[in-house]
């Protein structure tokens, strides 16, 4: 009898409204990410290939990862990160269906994570002296390289997003 009660209790919990909200929330997250990835792929040379986020209860962060084939200088990498970031927040803030799940509205660039992994034209890793990963996470842009000698990712430099936006004069 106890086994039957435990089983029914488990079934009841798994069918609760909470699990429906989670799947509905995830559907809206996937839709927004898909729209952003589609726009960015159409407008740039970036190839979408991964997602990230923080959305256990409410959506705190959303992120996408991209591949770029060919070297990027700092200015171009920075402009791509900012472009993706603004497309992302515009898409999130413009989607009324996702708003009830957001931790804060409007979503801003500190809620967005963007990573660009840079490969050569044939998809191979670049040499150690080249920037290989650029990220926009928590309002900071970081430029990283991979040390094949030490087998680790090394931070080359970082910039606060608000300084960069002021410097390049966007939004």
Protein backbone atom coordinates (compact mmCIF):
# COMPACT_ATOMS: atom_id res chain seq x y z
CA UNK A 1 0.00 0.00 0.00
CA UNK A 2 2.82 2.39 0.87
CA UNK A 3 4.40 1.72 -2.52
CA UNK A 4 1.16 2.58 -4.30
CA UNK A 5 0.77 5.82 -2.33
CA UNK A 6 4.40 6.78 -3.03
CA UNK A 7 3.92 5.99 -6.72
CA UNK A 8 0.72 8.06 -6.92
CA UNK A 9 2.39 10.92 -5.05
CA UNK A 10 5.29 10.83 -7.54
CA UNK A 11 2.89 10.80 -10.51
CA UNK A 12 0.96 13.71 -9.00
CA UNK A 13 4.13 15.76 -8.55
CA UNK A 14 5.39 15.02 -12.05
CA UNK A 15 2.08 16.17 -13.55
CA UNK A 16 1.87 19.38 -11.56
CA UNK A 17 1.50 22.85 -13.08
CA UNK A 18 5.13 23.60 -12.18
CA UNK A 19 6.47 21.10 -14.72
CA UNK A 20 4.16 22.56 -17.38
CA UNK A 21 5.53 26.04 -16.69
CA UNK A 22 9.06 24.74 -17.06
CA UNK A 23 8.39 23.20 -20.47
CA UNK A 24 6.48 26.28 -21.62
CA UNK A 25 9.32 28.50 -20.42
CA UNK A 26 11.83 26.32 -22.23
CA UNK A 27 9.80 26.53 -25.43
CA UNK A 28 9.93 30.33 -25.29
CA UNK A 29 13.67 30.29 -24.52
CA UNK A 30 14.29 28.01 -27.50
CA UNK A 31 12.20 30.22 -29.77
CA UNK A 32 14.12 33.37 -28.81
CA UNK A 33 17.50 31.67 -29.19
CA UNK A 34 16.48 30.28 -32.57
CA UNK A 35 15.37 33.69 -33.84
CA UNK A 36 18.60 35.34 -32.67
CA UNK A 37 20.76 32.60 -34.17
CA UNK A 38 18.89 32.83 -37.47
CA UNK A 39 19.27 36.64 -37.67
CA UNK A 40 22.95 36.58 -36.74
CA UNK A 41 23.77 33.79 -39.21
CA UNK A 42 22.03 35.76 -41.96
CA UNK A 43 23.72 39.10 -41.15
CA UNK A 44 27.25 37.97 -40.21
CA UNK A 45 29.82 35.26 -40.84
CA UNK A 46 29.05 33.68 -37.46
CA UNK A 47 27.83 30.09 -37.30
CA UNK A 48 25.59 29.26 -34.29
CA UNK A 49 26.59 26.10 -32.47
CA UNK A 50 25.73 26.20 -28.77
CA UNK A 51 23.48 27.55 -26.06
CA UNK A 52 23.76 28.45 -22.42
CA UNK A 53 21.60 30.05 -19.81
CA UNK A 54 20.50 30.33 -16.24
CA UNK A 55 16.79 29.70 -15.90
CA UNK A 56 16.08 27.40 -12.98
CA UNK A 57 13.19 29.45 -11.59
CA UNK A 58 13.15 32.59 -13.69
CA UNK A 59 15.31 33.42 -16.69
CA UNK A 60 18.39 35.15 -15.32
CA UNK A 61 20.65 34.75 -18.37
CA UNK A 62 20.45 33.51 -21.92
CA UNK A 63 23.38 32.79 -24.16
CA UNK A 64 24.57 31.57 -27.52
CA UNK A 65 27.91 30.37 -28.83
CA UNK A 66 29.15 30.86 -32.36
CA UNK A 67 31.99 29.75 -34.60
CA UNK A 68 33.90 32.20 -36.77
CA UNK A 69 36.19 30.95 -39.52
CA UNK A 70 39.19 33.21 -40.08
CA UNK A 71 41.14 35.51 -37.80
CA UNK A 72 39.34 38.36 -36.03
CA UNK A 73 40.99 41.52 -34.82
CA UNK A 74 39.88 43.00 -31.50
CA UNK A 75 37.71 45.71 -33.07
CA UNK A 76 35.79 43.31 -35.29
CA UNK A 77 35.38 40.77 -32.48
CA UNK A 78 34.11 43.50 -30.16
CA UNK A 79 31.61 44.77 -32.72
CA UNK A 80 30.31 41.23 -33.34
CA UNK A 81 29.81 40.61 -29.62
CA UNK A 82 27.94 43.89 -29.19
CA UNK A 83 25.82 43.27 -32.30
CA UNK A 84 24.81 39.80 -31.10
CA UNK A 85 24.13 41.18 -27.62
CA UNK A 86 21.79 43.88 -28.88
CA UNK A 87 19.98 41.53 -31.29
CA UNK A 88 19.53 39.17 -28.35
CA UNK A 89 18.08 41.74 -25.93
CA UNK A 90 15.85 43.18 -28.66
CA UNK A 91 14.46 39.72 -29.38
CA UNK A 92 13.95 38.88 -25.69
CA UNK A 93 12.37 42.22 -24.82
CA UNK A 94 10.17 42.14 -27.92
CA UNK A 95 8.75 38.69 -27.17
CA UNK A 96 5.75 39.18 -24.89
CA UNK A 97 5.41 35.43 -24.30
CA UNK A 98 8.76 35.16 -22.52
CA UNK A 99 8.28 38.19 -20.26
CA UNK A 100 6.51 36.40 -17.38
CA UNK A 101 9.54 34.14 -17.05
CA UNK A 102 12.21 36.88 -17.01
CA UNK A 103 13.96 37.71 -13.75
CA UNK A 104 14.03 41.34 -14.87
CA UNK A 105 12.41 43.32 -17.65
CA UNK A 106 13.75 44.81 -19.72
CA UNK A 107 16.52 42.28 -20.20
CA UNK A 108 19.89 43.97 -20.63
CA UNK A 109 23.37 43.09 -21.83
CA UNK A 110 24.34 41.77 -18.39
CA UNK A 111 21.63 39.10 -18.86
CA UNK A 112 23.18 37.94 -22.14
CA UNK A 113 26.14 35.64 -22.71
CA UNK A 114 27.82 35.49 -26.11
CA UNK A 115 30.84 33.38 -26.98
CA UNK A 116 32.67 33.33 -30.30
CA UNK A 117 35.16 30.54 -30.97
CA UNK A 118 37.59 31.49 -33.72
CA UNK A 119 39.04 28.87 -36.06
CA UNK A 120 41.08 29.16 -39.24
CA UNK A 121 39.35 28.92 -42.62
CA UNK A 122 39.62 25.12 -42.51
CA UNK A 123 38.15 24.82 -39.01
CA UNK A 124 41.47 24.20 -37.24
CA UNK A 125 42.71 25.91 -34.10
CA UNK A 126 44.66 29.10 -34.63
CA UNK A 127 48.27 29.51 -33.46
CA UNK A 128 48.90 30.30 -29.80
CA UNK A 129 49.56 33.99 -30.48
CA UNK A 130 46.06 34.56 -31.89
CA UNK A 131 42.83 35.37 -30.09
CA UNK A 132 40.78 32.18 -30.21
CA UNK A 133 37.80 32.88 -27.96
CA UNK A 134 35.99 36.17 -27.33
CA UNK A 135 33.19 36.39 -24.80
CA UNK A 136 30.61 38.79 -23.50
CA UNK A 137 29.64 37.58 -20.03
CA UNK A 138 28.40 39.60 -17.03
CA UNK A 139 29.02 42.89 -18.81
CA UNK A 140 32.68 42.12 -19.56
CA UNK A 141 34.30 41.41 -22.92
CA UNK A 142 37.21 38.99 -22.71
CA UNK A 143 39.76 38.04 -25.35
CA UNK A 144 41.35 34.61 -24.80
CA UNK A 145 43.95 32.45 -26.46
CA UNK A 146 44.76 28.79 -26.00
CA UNK A 147 48.25 27.80 -24.95
CA UNK A 148 49.08 24.48 -26.56
CA UNK A 149 52.22 24.35 -24.39
CA UNK A 150 50.33 24.74 -21.09
CA UNK A 151 47.10 23.16 -22.40
CA UNK A 152 44.93 25.94 -21.00
CA UNK A 153 42.95 28.99 -22.00
CA UNK A 154 44.69 32.24 -21.13
CA UNK A 155 43.08 35.64 -20.72
CA UNK A 156 44.76 38.14 -23.04
CA UNK A 157 42.70 41.19 -22.04
CA UNK A 158 39.28 42.24 -20.81
CA UNK A 159 37.13 45.34 -21.18
CA UNK A 160 34.10 46.53 -19.26
CA UNK A 161 31.12 46.68 -21.56
CA UNK A 162 30.05 50.16 -20.44
CA UNK A 163 33.53 51.51 -21.32
CA UNK A 164 33.41 49.87 -24.74
CA UNK A 165 29.91 51.17 -25.48
CA UNK A 166 30.99 54.68 -24.51
CA UNK A 167 34.15 54.33 -26.62
CA UNK A 168 32.44 53.09 -29.80
CA UNK A 169 29.27 55.13 -29.28
CA UNK A 170 26.55 52.50 -29.62
CA UNK A 171 23.12 52.83 -28.03
